[in-house]
N, C-alpha and C. Protein backbone atom coordinates (compact mmCIF):
# COMPACT_ATOMS: atom_id res chain seq x y z
N MET A 1 0.84 -1.18 0.00
CA MET A 1 0.00 0.00 0.00
C MET A 1 0.88 1.24 0.00
N ALA A 2 0.66 2.08 -0.99
CA ALA A 2 1.51 3.26 -1.11
C ALA A 2 0.73 4.43 -1.68
N ILE A 3 1.16 5.61 -1.31
CA ILE A 3 0.65 6.85 -1.88
C ILE A 3 1.84 7.55 -2.52
N ALA A 4 1.76 7.76 -3.81
CA ALA A 4 2.85 8.40 -4.58
C ALA A 4 4.18 7.68 -4.36
N GLY A 5 4.12 6.37 -4.25
CA GLY A 5 5.34 5.58 -4.09
C GLY A 5 5.87 5.50 -2.68
N ILE A 6 5.19 6.12 -1.71
CA ILE A 6 5.63 6.10 -0.31
C ILE A 6 4.64 5.26 0.49
N SER A 7 5.15 4.38 1.31
CA SER A 7 4.31 3.49 2.11
C SER A 7 3.39 4.26 3.04
N ILE A 8 2.13 3.83 3.11
CA ILE A 8 1.16 4.44 4.02
C ILE A 8 1.62 4.26 5.46
N ILE A 9 2.22 3.14 5.76
CA ILE A 9 2.70 2.87 7.11
C ILE A 9 3.79 3.88 7.49
N LEU A 10 4.67 4.19 6.56
CA LEU A 10 5.71 5.18 6.80
C LEU A 10 5.12 6.57 7.01
N ILE A 11 4.16 6.93 6.17
CA ILE A 11 3.51 8.24 6.30
C ILE A 11 2.84 8.37 7.66
N LEU A 12 2.10 7.34 8.08
CA LEU A 12 1.45 7.38 9.39
C LEU A 12 2.46 7.43 10.52
N GLY A 13 3.59 6.76 10.35
CA GLY A 13 4.63 6.79 11.37
C GLY A 13 5.22 8.19 11.54
N VAL A 14 5.44 8.88 10.45
CA VAL A 14 5.97 10.25 10.51
C VAL A 14 4.94 11.19 11.14
N ILE A 15 3.67 11.06 10.75
CA ILE A 15 2.61 11.88 11.35
C ILE A 15 2.52 11.61 12.84
N ASN A 16 2.58 10.34 13.24
CA ASN A 16 2.54 9.99 14.66
C ASN A 16 3.71 10.60 15.43
N PHE A 17 4.88 10.61 14.82
CA PHE A 17 6.05 11.19 15.48
C PHE A 17 5.84 12.67 15.76
N PHE A 18 5.32 13.39 14.75
CA PHE A 18 5.09 14.83 14.94
C PHE A 18 3.96 15.10 15.93
N LEU A 19 2.93 14.27 15.92
CA LEU A 19 1.87 14.41 16.92
C LEU A 19 2.39 14.14 18.32
N LEU A 20 3.27 13.16 18.44
CA LEU A 20 3.87 12.85 19.73
C LEU A 20 4.73 14.00 20.23
N LEU A 21 5.51 14.61 19.35
CA LEU A 21 6.29 15.78 19.73
C LEU A 21 5.39 16.94 20.17
N PHE A 22 4.31 17.15 19.43
CA PHE A 22 3.37 18.21 19.80
C PHE A 22 2.79 17.95 21.18
N GLN A 23 2.39 16.71 21.45
CA GLN A 23 1.84 16.36 22.76
C GLN A 23 2.86 16.60 23.86
N LEU A 24 4.09 16.20 23.62
CA LEU A 24 5.15 16.39 24.60
C LEU A 24 5.39 17.87 24.88
N PHE A 25 5.54 18.65 23.82
CA PHE A 25 5.85 20.07 23.98
C PHE A 25 4.69 20.84 24.60
N SER A 26 3.46 20.49 24.23
CA SER A 26 2.33 21.20 24.82
C SER A 26 2.07 20.73 26.25
N GLY A 27 2.38 19.48 26.55
CA GLY A 27 2.23 18.98 27.91
C GLY A 27 3.25 19.58 28.86
N LEU A 28 4.44 19.85 28.37
CA LEU A 28 5.48 20.48 29.18
C LEU A 28 5.38 22.01 29.16
N HIS A 29 4.37 22.52 28.44
CA HIS A 29 4.12 23.96 28.32
C HIS A 29 5.26 24.70 27.62
N TRP A 30 5.98 24.00 26.75
CA TRP A 30 6.99 24.67 25.93
C TRP A 30 6.30 25.46 24.83
N ILE A 31 5.14 24.95 24.39
CA ILE A 31 4.27 25.72 23.51
C ILE A 31 2.92 25.81 24.21
N LYS A 32 2.26 26.93 24.04
CA LYS A 32 1.00 27.17 24.75
C LYS A 32 -0.16 26.90 23.81
N VAL A 33 -0.99 25.93 24.19
CA VAL A 33 -2.23 25.64 23.47
C VAL A 33 -3.32 25.42 24.51
N LYS A 34 -4.55 25.57 24.07
CA LYS A 34 -5.67 25.30 24.96
C LYS A 34 -5.73 23.80 25.26
N PHE A 35 -6.29 23.47 26.42
CA PHE A 35 -6.37 22.07 26.81
C PHE A 35 -7.18 21.26 25.81
N GLY A 36 -8.22 21.86 25.23
CA GLY A 36 -9.05 21.15 24.25
C GLY A 36 -8.25 20.73 23.03
N VAL A 37 -7.34 21.57 22.59
CA VAL A 37 -6.48 21.24 21.44
C VAL A 37 -5.56 20.08 21.81
N HIS A 38 -5.00 20.15 23.02
CA HIS A 38 -4.10 19.09 23.49
C HIS A 38 -4.86 17.76 23.56
N ARG A 39 -6.09 17.81 24.06
CA ARG A 39 -6.89 16.58 24.19
C ARG A 39 -7.26 16.02 22.83
N LYS A 40 -7.68 16.88 21.90
CA LYS A 40 -8.09 16.41 20.57
C LYS A 40 -6.91 15.83 19.80
N THR A 41 -5.74 16.44 19.91
CA THR A 41 -4.58 15.89 19.21
C THR A 41 -4.13 14.58 19.86
N GLY A 42 -4.36 14.44 21.16
CA GLY A 42 -4.07 13.18 21.83
C GLY A 42 -4.97 12.06 21.31
N LEU A 43 -6.24 12.37 21.12
CA LEU A 43 -7.16 11.39 20.56
C LEU A 43 -6.79 11.04 19.12
N LEU A 44 -6.42 12.06 18.34
CA LEU A 44 -5.98 11.82 16.97
C LEU A 44 -4.72 10.94 16.94
N LEU A 45 -3.80 11.22 17.85
CA LEU A 45 -2.59 10.41 17.95
C LEU A 45 -2.93 8.96 18.25
N PHE A 46 -3.86 8.74 19.17
CA PHE A 46 -4.26 7.37 19.51
C PHE A 46 -4.86 6.64 18.31
N VAL A 47 -5.75 7.32 17.58
CA VAL A 47 -6.41 6.70 16.43
C VAL A 47 -5.39 6.38 15.34
N LEU A 48 -4.55 7.36 15.00
CA LEU A 48 -3.57 7.13 13.93
C LEU A 48 -2.52 6.09 14.33
N ALA A 49 -2.13 6.07 15.61
CA ALA A 49 -1.17 5.06 16.06
C ALA A 49 -1.78 3.67 15.98
N THR A 50 -3.06 3.56 16.29
CA THR A 50 -3.74 2.26 16.20
C THR A 50 -3.80 1.79 14.75
N ILE A 51 -4.17 2.68 13.84
CA ILE A 51 -4.21 2.33 12.41
C ILE A 51 -2.82 1.97 11.92
N HIS A 52 -1.83 2.74 12.32
CA HIS A 52 -0.43 2.49 11.94
C HIS A 52 0.01 1.10 12.41
N GLY A 53 -0.31 0.78 13.64
CA GLY A 53 0.06 -0.54 14.18
C GLY A 53 -0.66 -1.68 13.48
N LEU A 54 -1.95 -1.52 13.24
CA LEU A 54 -2.71 -2.57 12.56
C LEU A 54 -2.21 -2.79 11.13
N LEU A 55 -1.92 -1.71 10.42
CA LEU A 55 -1.39 -1.86 9.06
C LEU A 55 -0.03 -2.53 9.07
N GLY A 56 0.80 -2.16 10.04
CA GLY A 56 2.11 -2.79 10.16
C GLY A 56 1.99 -4.27 10.47
N PHE A 57 1.04 -4.62 11.33
CA PHE A 57 0.81 -6.03 11.66
C PHE A 57 0.31 -6.80 10.45
N LEU A 58 -0.66 -6.22 9.74
CA LEU A 58 -1.21 -6.90 8.57
C LEU A 58 -0.20 -7.02 7.44
N ALA A 59 0.71 -6.08 7.33
CA ALA A 59 1.74 -6.12 6.29
C ALA A 59 2.70 -7.28 6.51
N ASN A 60 2.84 -7.72 7.76
CA ASN A 60 3.78 -8.80 8.06
C ASN A 60 3.13 -10.18 8.02
N LEU A 61 1.86 -10.25 7.73
CA LEU A 61 1.18 -11.56 7.65
C LEU A 61 1.52 -12.29 6.37
């Protein structure tokens, strides 16, 4: 599975990494965001990480 020749699993992994950095920086108050934004991006991180993991698991079957 690929988009423009790049694996979907890789794309989701990079997005997850940046979401994780955002969560870390906003949780440590290095960047200031409203709590609602922090919570919504946390939920997005969970959903995308789950999809990323499932695709990675299915790719190895």
